[in-house]
C-alpha atoms as a PDB file:
ATOM      1  CA  MET A   1      20.836 258.286-102.686  1.00  0.00           C
ATOM      2  CA  THR A   2      18.813 257.452 -99.372  1.00  0.00           C
ATOM      3  CA  VAL A   3      15.107 257.034 -99.457  1.00  0.00           C
ATOM      4  CA  ASP A   4      13.190 258.951 -96.503  1.00  0.00           C
ATOM      5  CA  TRP A   5       9.322 258.229 -96.179  1.00  0.00           C
ATOM      6  CA  THR A   6       7.162 261.294 -95.140  1.00  0.00           C
ATOM      7  CA  PRO A   7       4.697 260.666 -92.297  1.00  0.00           C
ATOM      8  CA  ARG A   8       0.943 259.623 -92.837  1.00  0.00           C
ATOM      9  CA  GLN A   9      -0.930 262.694 -92.587  1.00  0.00           C
ATOM     10  CA  ARG A  10      -2.386 264.419 -94.921  1.00  0.00           C
ATOM     11  CA  ARG A  11      -0.473 267.939 -96.067  1.00  0.00           C
ATOM     12  CA  PHE A  12      -0.504 270.187 -98.816  1.00  0.00           C
ATOM     13  CA  THR A  13       2.911 269.527-100.443  1.00  0.00           C
ATOM     14  CA  LEU A  14       5.057 270.244-103.196  1.00  0.00           C
ATOM     15  CA  LEU A  15       3.511 266.687-104.989  1.00  0.00           C
ATOM     16  CA  HIS A  16       0.125 268.555-104.677  1.00  0.00           C
ATOM     17  CA  ALA A  17       0.692 271.753-105.408  1.00  0.00           C
ATOM     18  CA  LEU A  18       2.525 270.171-108.704  1.00  0.00           C
ATOM     19  CA  GLY A  19      -0.407 267.946-109.500  1.00  0.00           C
ATOM     20  CA  LEU A  20      -2.623 270.623-108.720  1.00  0.00           C
ATOM     21  CA  ALA A  21      -1.171 273.126-111.130  1.00  0.00           C
ATOM     22  CA  GLY A  22      -0.922 270.510-113.712  1.00  0.00           C
ATOM     23  CA  VAL A  23      -5.010 269.753-113.932  1.00  0.00           C
ATOM     24  CA  MET A  24      -5.697 273.012-113.782  1.00  0.00           C
ATOM     25  CA  GLY A  25      -3.329 273.757-116.899  1.00  0.00           C
ATOM     26  CA  LEU A  26      -4.789 270.438-118.505  1.00  0.00           C
ATOM     27  CA  LEU A  27      -8.345 272.196-118.005  1.00  0.00           C
ATOM     28  CA  VAL A  28      -7.328 275.304-119.305  1.00  0.00           C
ATOM     29  CA  ALA A  29      -5.847 273.568-122.325  1.00  0.00           C
ATOM     30  CA  ARG A  30      -8.992 271.395-122.732  1.00  0.00           C
ATOM     31  CA  PHE A  31     -11.365 274.125-122.549  1.00  0.00           C
ATOM     32  CA  VAL A  32      -9.845 277.565-123.134  1.00  0.00           C
ATOM     33  CA  PRO A  33      -8.951 278.098-127.483  1.00  0.00           C
ATOM     34  CA  VAL A  34      -5.583 279.871-125.753  1.00  0.00           C
ATOM     35  CA  ALA A  35      -3.920 279.416-129.033  1.00  0.00           C
ATOM     36  CA  ARG A  36      -6.625 281.428-130.983  1.00  0.00           C
ATOM     37  CA  LEU A  37      -6.146 284.471-128.374  1.00  0.00           C
ATOM     38  CA  PRO A  38      -5.013 287.495-130.886  1.00  0.00           C
ATOM     39  CA  PHE A  39      -2.273 288.336-128.126  1.00  0.00           C
ATOM     40  CA  TRP A  40      -1.011 284.495-128.090  1.00  0.00           C
ATOM     41  CA  HIS A  41       1.997 284.090-130.336  1.00  0.00           C
ATOM     42  CA  CYS A  42       6.086 283.496-130.001  1.00  0.00           C
ATOM     43  CA  VAL A  43       7.449 287.244-130.314  1.00  0.00           C
ATOM     44  CA  PHE A  44      10.980 285.315-130.518  1.00  0.00           C
ATOM     45  CA  ARG A  45       9.687 283.944-133.205  1.00  0.00           C
ATOM     46  CA  GLU A  46       7.832 286.308-135.132  1.00  0.00           C
ATOM     47  CA  HIS A  47      11.198 288.979-134.701  1.00  0.00           C
ATOM     48  CA  THR A  48      13.918 286.262-135.348  1.00  0.00           C
ATOM     49  CA  GLY A  49      12.122 283.503-137.688  1.00  0.00           C
ATOM     50  CA  TRP A  50      13.543 281.183-135.027  1.00  0.00           C
ATOM     51  CA  PRO A  51      11.239 279.622-132.720  1.00  0.00           C
ATOM     52  CA  CYS A  52      12.254 279.790-128.617  1.00  0.00           C
ATOM     53  CA  PRO A  53      12.601 277.119-126.636  1.00  0.00           C
ATOM     54  CA  GLY A  54       8.934 276.986-125.239  1.00  0.00           C
ATOM     55  CA  CYS A  55       7.732 276.971-129.076  1.00  0.00           C
ATOM     56  CA  GLY A  56       5.025 273.927-129.062  1.00  0.00           C
ATOM     57  CA  LEU A  57       3.951 274.191-125.336  1.00  0.00           C
ATOM     58  CA  THR A  58       0.506 275.332-126.076  1.00  0.00           C
ATOM     59  CA  ARG A  59       0.173 272.498-128.943  1.00  0.00           C
ATOM     60  CA  ALA A  60       1.508 269.996-126.577  1.00  0.00           C
ATOM     61  CA  ALA A  61      -0.891 270.824-123.685  1.00  0.00           C
ATOM     62  CA  ASP A  62      -3.739 270.789-126.003  1.00  0.00           C
ATOM     63  CA  GLY A  63      -2.556 267.664-127.194  1.00  0.00           C
ATOM     64  CA  LEU A  64      -2.658 266.025-124.100  1.00  0.00           C
ATOM     65  CA  ALA A  65      -5.371 267.188-122.912  1.00  0.00           C
ATOM     66  CA  HIS A  66      -7.581 266.248-125.720  1.00  0.00           C
ATOM     67  CA  LEU A  67      -5.553 262.885-125.594  1.00  0.00           C
ATOM     68  CA  ARG A  68      -3.094 262.890-128.635  1.00  0.00           C
ATOM     69  CA  LEU A  69      -0.249 261.983-127.358  1.00  0.00           C
ATOM     70  CA  GLY A  70       1.155 261.532-130.439  1.00  0.00           C
ATOM     71  CA  PHE A  71       0.516 265.119-131.245  1.00  0.00           C
ATOM     72  CA  ALA A  72       1.777 266.391-128.083  1.00  0.00           C
ATOM     73  CA  PHE A  73       5.152 264.880-128.344  1.00  0.00           C
ATOM     74  CA  GLU A  74       5.629 265.951-131.818  1.00  0.00           C
ATOM     75  CA  SER A  75       5.247 269.524-130.751  1.00  0.00           C
ATOM     76  CA  ASN A  76       7.291 269.542-128.025  1.00  0.00           C
ATOM     77  CA  PRO A  77       8.693 266.368-126.279  1.00  0.00           C
ATOM     78  CA  LEU A  78       9.947 267.954-122.959  1.00  0.00           C
ATOM     79  CA  GLY A  79       6.541 269.802-122.629  1.00  0.00           C
ATOM     80  CA  ALA A  80       4.433 266.735-123.306  1.00  0.00           C
ATOM     81  CA  LEU A  81       6.500 264.575-120.732  1.00  0.00           C
ATOM     82  CA  VAL A  82       6.434 267.399-118.468  1.00  0.00           C
ATOM     83  CA  GLY A  83       2.393 267.092-118.760  1.00  0.00           C
ATOM     84  CA  CYS A  84       2.454 263.922-118.194  1.00  0.00           C
ATOM     85  CA  LEU A  85       4.306 264.067-115.180  1.00  0.00           C
ATOM     86  CA  LEU A  86       2.408 266.555-113.791  1.00  0.00           C
ATOM     87  CA  ALA A  87      -0.799 264.513-114.559  1.00  0.00           C
ATOM     88  CA  ALA A  88       0.809 261.908-112.795  1.00  0.00           C
ATOM     89  CA  ALA A  89       1.691 263.874-109.524  1.00  0.00           C
ATOM     90  CA  ALA A  90      -2.203 264.652-109.231  1.00  0.00           C
ATOM     91  CA  VAL A  91      -3.022 261.149-109.376  1.00  0.00           C
ATOM     92  CA  VAL A  92      -0.371 260.456-106.471  1.00  0.00           C
ATOM     93  CA  GLY A  93      -1.416 263.327-104.685  1.00  0.00           C
ATOM     94  CA  LEU A  94      -4.689 262.770-104.450  1.00  0.00           C
ATOM     95  CA  VAL A  95      -4.556 258.617-103.531  1.00  0.00           C
ATOM     96  CA  GLN A  96      -1.717 259.656-101.433  1.00  0.00           C
ATOM     97  CA  TRP A  97      -4.318 262.208-100.010  1.00  0.00           C
ATOM     98  CA  VAL A  98      -7.594 260.007 -99.376  1.00  0.00           C
ATOM     99  CA  PHE A  99      -5.255 257.039 -98.052  1.00  0.00           C
ATOM    100  CA  ARG A 100      -2.875 258.654 -96.366  1.00  0.00           C
ATOM    101  CA  LEU A 101      -0.269 256.562 -97.831  1.00  0.00           C
ATOM    102  CA  SER A 102       2.874 257.353 -96.896  1.00  0.00           C
ATOM    103  CA  LEU A 103       5.204 258.505 -99.937  1.00  0.00           C
ATOM    104  CA  PRO A 104       9.327 258.331-100.443  1.00  0.00           C
ATOM    105  CA  VAL A 105      11.390 261.243-100.460  1.00  0.00           C
ATOM    106  CA  PRO A 106      14.554 260.565-102.252  1.00  0.00           C
ATOM    107  CA  ARG A 107      18.071 262.061-100.761  1.00  0.00           C
ATOM    108  CA  LEU A 108      20.407 262.882-103.214  1.00  0.00           C
ATOM    109  CA  SER A 109      24.644 263.168-102.761  1.00  0.00           C
ATOM    110  CA  ALA A 110      26.045 265.839-104.136  1.00  0.00           C
ATOM    111  CA  SER A 111      27.672 264.083-107.181  1.00  0.00           C
ATOM    112  CA  GLU A 112      23.954 262.219-108.076  1.00  0.00           C
ATOM    113  CA  ALA A 113      22.958 266.121-107.693  1.00  0.00           C
ATOM    114  CA  ARG A 114      25.349 267.403-110.265  1.00  0.00           C
ATOM    115  CA  ALA A 115      24.504 264.788-112.261  1.00  0.00           C
ATOM    116  CA  GLY A 116      21.171 265.136-111.950  1.00  0.00           C
ATOM    117  CA  ARG A 117      21.355 269.042-113.224  1.00  0.00           C
ATOM    118  CA  ALA A 118      23.885 268.201-116.149  1.00  0.00           C
ATOM    119  CA  ALA A 119      20.907 265.482-117.502  1.00  0.00           C
ATOM    120  CA  VAL A 120      18.145 268.083-117.243  1.00  0.00           C
ATOM    121  CA  VAL A 121      20.413 270.789-118.938  1.00  0.00           C
ATOM    122  CA  ALA A 122      20.777 268.490-121.795  1.00  0.00           C
ATOM    123  CA  ALA A 123      17.438 267.549-121.976  1.00  0.00           C
ATOM    124  CA  VAL A 124      16.439 271.117-122.406  1.00  0.00           C
ATOM    125  CA  LEU A 125      19.249 271.380-124.904  1.00  0.00           C
ATOM    126  CA  ALA A 126      18.100 268.283-126.881  1.00  0.00           C
ATOM    127  CA  ASN A 127      14.397 269.345-126.771  1.00  0.00           C
ATOM    128  CA  TYR A 128      15.470 272.619-128.193  1.00  0.00           C
ATOM    129  CA  ALA A 129      17.415 270.921-130.967  1.00  0.00           C
ATOM    130  CA  PHE A 130      14.672 269.042-131.564  1.00  0.00           C
ATOM    131  CA  VAL A 131      12.405 271.610-132.286  1.00  0.00           C
ATOM    132  CA  ILE A 132      14.431 273.429-133.753  1.00  0.00           C
ATOM    133  CA  VAL A 133      14.687 271.327-136.626  1.00  0.00           C
ATOM    134  CA  GLN A 134      11.065 270.321-136.232  1.00  0.00           C
ATOM    135  CA  THR A 135      10.216 273.874-137.004  1.00  0.00           C
ATOM    136  CA  ARG A 136      12.500 274.714-139.504  1.00  0.00           C
ATOM    137  CA  LEU A 137      12.577 271.819-141.770  1.00  0.00           C
ATOM    138  CA  GLY A 138       8.399 271.768-141.847  1.00  0.00           C
ATOM    139  CA  GLY A 139       7.400 269.538-138.291  1.00  0.00           C
END
């Protein structure tokens, strides 16, 4: 892996977009009772009895927005982790924008990128297994 550095300038980048999306999502989770909306339910679970891979994401976002981290990670660990990473992206993006900091940009080799993709797939599968166990065993 090699690391390049961004120029010291104010540009709206992917980091800032992810941070903005994270802040908007956490604000919605904090102030809008999404789970209580009449149309907000899991159609997959309603028809099959099994949770979908995204089951628990609303509860995880609500838990993060209300600073109940244990509840968030019990609801959907990967969703809670992504929410925390988006919040961190918002903080880093804001600091970079205000102070015009240069940020590292990692460049992965082909084998490192393949290993990263495999790790993401493994994490999604492990998270889905966790959600199934939590749901089916009364978690």
